[in-house]
Amino acid sequence: MRALFIIVALVMACGDDPPVVYPTVAPFDEAKLALGPGDKLQLVVYWGSKSSSATYLLDATGDMEVQYIGKITAGGKSTRQVQEEIKKRLADGYLVDPVVSLTVIEINSLKCSVFGQIARSGNIKFTPGLTITEAIAQSGGFTPLARKNMVKVTRQADGRKETYKIPAEMIGEGKRPNFPLMPGDEIFVPERPW
């Protein structure tokens, strides 16, 4: 009887007790998103009854060449800051009261890294709304040795490093709310101990 109790205790000890509390909303403000190399932008300029539209891909230094005004450094700035700079430079002798709209079509400069017990380790492209389950799926899913309910996410927030243990399998089964990712998050899927 005692041997059976020990075996049951060992089996129960091997199971993960996933954390109950973790962030379910990303502290991510898309309006403050810093642009970077490879990001694709749509610029529309209205003046009077006319308009002009163009698509730009930021070069390796985060710059773009805008008609009439030349080089604009967009890297490290928000879309709003770049939009205001374009408007100011266009209004400085080129157009009268231009209305400028700048939108992000594709974010290519922001990444998350996924490694450990998954099919393909490496960086994946960050898009607003990316969740832990989507990141693991984009990496080919778990390997048979993955510890699925103790996935570690390391995040830099306000100058300090935070680590969360996420029950990814339970999230995938709909038993827990999803975990939204942030640009730069490092996701590590550990190997199970048994």
Protein backbone atom coordinates (compact mmCIF):
# COMPACT_ATOMS: atom_id res chain seq x y z
CA MET A 1 0.00 0.00 0.00
CA ARG A 2 2.80 2.38 0.89
CA ALA A 3 4.52 1.72 -2.48
CA LEU A 4 1.31 2.62 -4.31
CA PHE A 5 1.07 5.89 -2.35
CA ILE A 6 4.67 6.79 -3.31
CA ILE A 7 4.00 6.05 -7.01
CA VAL A 8 0.82 8.16 -6.98
CA ALA A 9 2.68 10.99 -5.21
CA LEU A 10 5.50 10.86 -7.80
CA VAL A 11 3.07 10.93 -10.73
CA MET A 12 1.20 13.87 -9.21
CA ALA A 13 4.49 15.70 -8.51
CA CYS A 14 5.46 15.40 -12.17
CA GLY A 15 2.38 17.31 -13.34
CA ASP A 16 2.64 21.04 -13.82
CA ASP A 17 0.72 23.39 -11.62
CA PRO A 18 0.46 26.31 -14.05
CA PRO A 19 0.27 29.85 -12.70
CA VAL A 20 -3.15 31.37 -12.27
CA VAL A 21 -2.18 35.03 -12.63
CA TYR A 22 -0.49 36.54 -15.68
CA PRO A 23 -1.22 39.58 -17.88
CA THR A 24 -4.09 39.11 -20.33
CA VAL A 25 -3.79 42.59 -21.86
CA ALA A 26 -0.59 43.81 -23.48
CA PRO A 27 0.55 47.27 -22.37
CA PHE A 28 1.09 48.12 -26.02
CA ASP A 29 0.10 51.42 -27.58
CA GLU A 30 0.21 51.14 -31.37
CA ALA A 31 0.24 54.94 -31.67
CA LYS A 32 3.60 55.01 -29.86
CA LEU A 33 5.08 52.24 -32.01
CA ALA A 34 8.61 53.15 -33.05
CA LEU A 35 9.13 52.56 -36.77
CA GLY A 36 12.19 50.70 -38.01
CA PRO A 37 13.96 49.23 -41.04
CA GLY A 38 11.73 47.13 -43.28
CA ASP A 39 8.44 48.64 -42.11
CA LYS A 40 6.00 49.34 -44.95
CA LEU A 41 4.04 52.62 -44.87
CA GLN A 42 1.21 54.16 -46.89
CA LEU A 43 1.41 57.93 -47.36
CA VAL A 44 -1.58 59.88 -48.68
CA VAL A 45 -1.35 63.65 -49.15
CA TYR A 46 -4.40 65.82 -49.89
CA TRP A 47 -4.21 69.45 -51.04
CA GLY A 48 -7.16 71.32 -52.44
CA SER A 49 -9.10 68.90 -54.65
CA LYS A 50 -6.03 66.82 -55.45
CA SER A 51 -4.38 63.89 -53.72
CA SER A 52 -1.28 61.76 -54.01
CA SER A 53 -0.68 58.28 -52.63
CA ALA A 54 2.54 56.26 -52.30
CA THR A 55 3.82 53.19 -50.48
CA TYR A 56 7.24 53.23 -48.83
CA LEU A 57 9.50 50.54 -47.42
CA LEU A 58 11.91 51.95 -44.83
CA ASP A 59 15.51 51.24 -45.80
CA ALA A 60 18.17 49.65 -43.55
CA THR A 61 18.70 52.95 -41.74
CA GLY A 62 14.97 53.61 -41.23
CA ASP A 63 14.80 56.33 -43.90
CA MET A 64 12.41 56.94 -46.79
CA GLU A 65 12.52 59.27 -49.80
CA VAL A 66 9.36 61.36 -50.11
CA GLN A 67 8.51 63.15 -53.35
CA TYR A 68 9.25 66.91 -53.28
CA ILE A 69 10.94 66.90 -49.88
CA GLY A 70 13.55 64.12 -50.06
CA LYS A 71 14.85 62.01 -47.20
CA ILE A 72 12.76 61.58 -44.06
CA THR A 73 14.22 59.72 -41.10
CA ALA A 74 11.38 57.57 -39.75
CA GLY A 75 13.38 55.00 -37.74
CA GLY A 76 12.81 55.34 -34.00
CA LYS A 77 9.86 57.72 -34.45
CA SER A 78 6.11 57.11 -34.21
CA THR A 79 3.90 57.37 -37.30
CA ARG A 80 2.39 60.54 -35.83
CA GLN A 81 5.83 62.20 -35.50
CA VAL A 82 6.76 61.26 -39.08
CA GLN A 83 3.37 62.39 -40.37
CA GLU A 84 3.81 65.81 -38.70
CA GLU A 85 7.33 66.19 -40.11
CA ILE A 86 6.11 65.39 -43.66
CA LYS A 87 3.21 67.84 -43.29
CA LYS A 88 5.51 70.59 -42.01
CA ARG A 89 8.05 70.11 -44.81
CA LEU A 90 5.37 69.94 -47.53
CA ALA A 91 3.71 73.12 -46.22
CA ASP A 92 7.08 74.90 -46.27
CA GLY A 93 6.76 76.15 -49.85
CA TYR A 94 5.44 73.08 -51.71
CA LEU A 95 1.73 72.79 -50.88
CA VAL A 96 -0.85 75.04 -49.24
CA ASP A 97 -2.46 73.46 -46.17
CA PRO A 98 -1.66 69.82 -46.98
CA VAL A 99 -3.52 67.05 -45.14
CA VAL A 100 -1.20 64.12 -44.55
CA SER A 101 -2.19 60.57 -43.63
CA LEU A 102 0.52 58.02 -42.79
CA THR A 103 -0.44 54.44 -41.88
CA VAL A 104 1.59 51.33 -41.18
CA ILE A 105 0.79 48.58 -43.67
CA GLU A 106 3.31 46.03 -42.43
CA ILE A 107 5.56 45.88 -39.37
CA ASN A 108 8.79 44.10 -40.26
CA SER A 109 11.21 45.67 -37.78
CA LEU A 110 9.74 44.19 -34.59
CA LYS A 111 10.40 40.58 -33.60
CA CYS A 112 9.80 38.06 -30.85
CA SER A 113 12.13 35.10 -30.31
CA VAL A 114 10.87 31.58 -29.69
CA PHE A 115 13.21 28.75 -28.67
CA GLY A 116 13.38 25.53 -26.72
CA GLN A 117 11.13 22.52 -27.29
CA ILE A 118 9.43 23.73 -30.47
CA ALA A 119 9.81 22.62 -34.09
CA ARG A 120 11.65 25.77 -35.33
CA SER A 121 13.57 28.06 -32.99
CA GLY A 122 14.23 31.62 -34.08
CA ASN A 123 12.65 35.03 -34.54
CA ILE A 124 9.09 35.60 -35.67
CA LYS A 125 7.60 38.86 -36.91
CA PHE A 126 5.66 40.77 -34.26
CA THR A 127 2.24 42.08 -35.21
CA PRO A 128 -0.09 43.88 -32.79
CA GLY A 129 -2.37 41.32 -31.15
CA LEU A 130 0.12 38.42 -31.44
CA THR A 131 -0.52 35.85 -28.68
CA ILE A 132 1.56 33.08 -27.12
CA THR A 133 -0.45 30.36 -28.89
CA GLU A 134 0.01 32.03 -32.30
CA ALA A 135 3.77 32.44 -31.70
CA ILE A 136 4.15 28.75 -30.86
CA ALA A 137 2.05 27.77 -33.88
CA GLN A 138 4.20 29.98 -36.17
CA SER A 139 7.25 28.15 -34.77
CA GLY A 140 5.86 24.77 -35.81
CA GLY A 141 4.28 23.81 -32.49
CA PHE A 142 5.57 21.88 -29.49
CA THR A 143 7.95 18.92 -29.67
CA PRO A 144 6.93 15.72 -27.80
CA LEU A 145 9.28 16.69 -24.94
CA ALA A 146 7.79 20.18 -24.39
CA ARG A 147 6.65 21.28 -20.95
CA LYS A 148 3.55 22.95 -22.37
CA ASN A 149 2.10 24.53 -19.24
CA MET A 150 5.29 26.20 -18.03
CA VAL A 151 6.29 28.27 -21.08
CA LYS A 152 8.51 31.15 -19.94
CA VAL A 153 8.16 34.60 -21.45
CA THR A 154 10.83 37.18 -20.63
CA ARG A 155 9.94 40.80 -21.28
CA GLN A 156 11.70 44.14 -20.88
CA ALA A 157 9.20 46.60 -19.40
CA ASP A 158 9.99 50.07 -18.09
CA GLY A 159 13.70 49.28 -17.87
CA ARG A 160 13.32 46.06 -15.90
CA LYS A 161 13.11 42.41 -16.88
CA GLU A 162 9.95 40.45 -16.10
CA THR A 163 9.43 36.71 -16.52
CA TYR A 164 6.05 35.02 -16.75
CA LYS A 165 5.24 31.31 -16.66
CA ILE A 166 2.40 30.73 -19.11
CA PRO A 167 0.09 27.66 -19.29
CA ALA A 168 0.15 27.55 -23.12
CA GLU A 169 -1.49 24.13 -23.41
CA MET A 170 -4.40 25.15 -21.17
CA ILE A 171 -4.75 28.38 -23.18
CA GLY A 172 -4.88 26.33 -26.39
CA GLU A 173 -7.61 24.16 -24.87
CA GLY A 174 -9.64 27.26 -23.94
CA LYS A 175 -9.24 26.72 -20.19
CA ARG A 176 -7.30 29.95 -19.59
CA PRO A 177 -7.25 33.40 -21.23
CA ASN A 178 -4.60 34.00 -23.88
CA PHE A 179 -1.35 35.85 -23.22
CA PRO A 180 -0.66 38.80 -25.58
CA LEU A 181 2.94 39.33 -26.60
CA MET A 182 4.99 42.51 -26.84
CA PRO A 183 7.78 43.37 -29.30
CA GLY A 184 11.06 41.86 -28.10
CA ASP A 185 9.50 39.13 -25.93
CA GLU A 186 11.60 35.98 -25.55
CA ILE A 187 9.55 32.79 -25.39
CA PHE A 188 11.24 29.67 -24.02
CA VAL A 189 9.54 26.26 -24.05
CA PRO A 190 11.38 24.08 -21.51
CA GLU A 191 11.82 20.33 -21.63
CA ARG A 192 9.59 18.37 -19.31
CA PRO A 193 11.40 16.64 -16.43
CA TRP A 194 9.70 13.24 -16.91
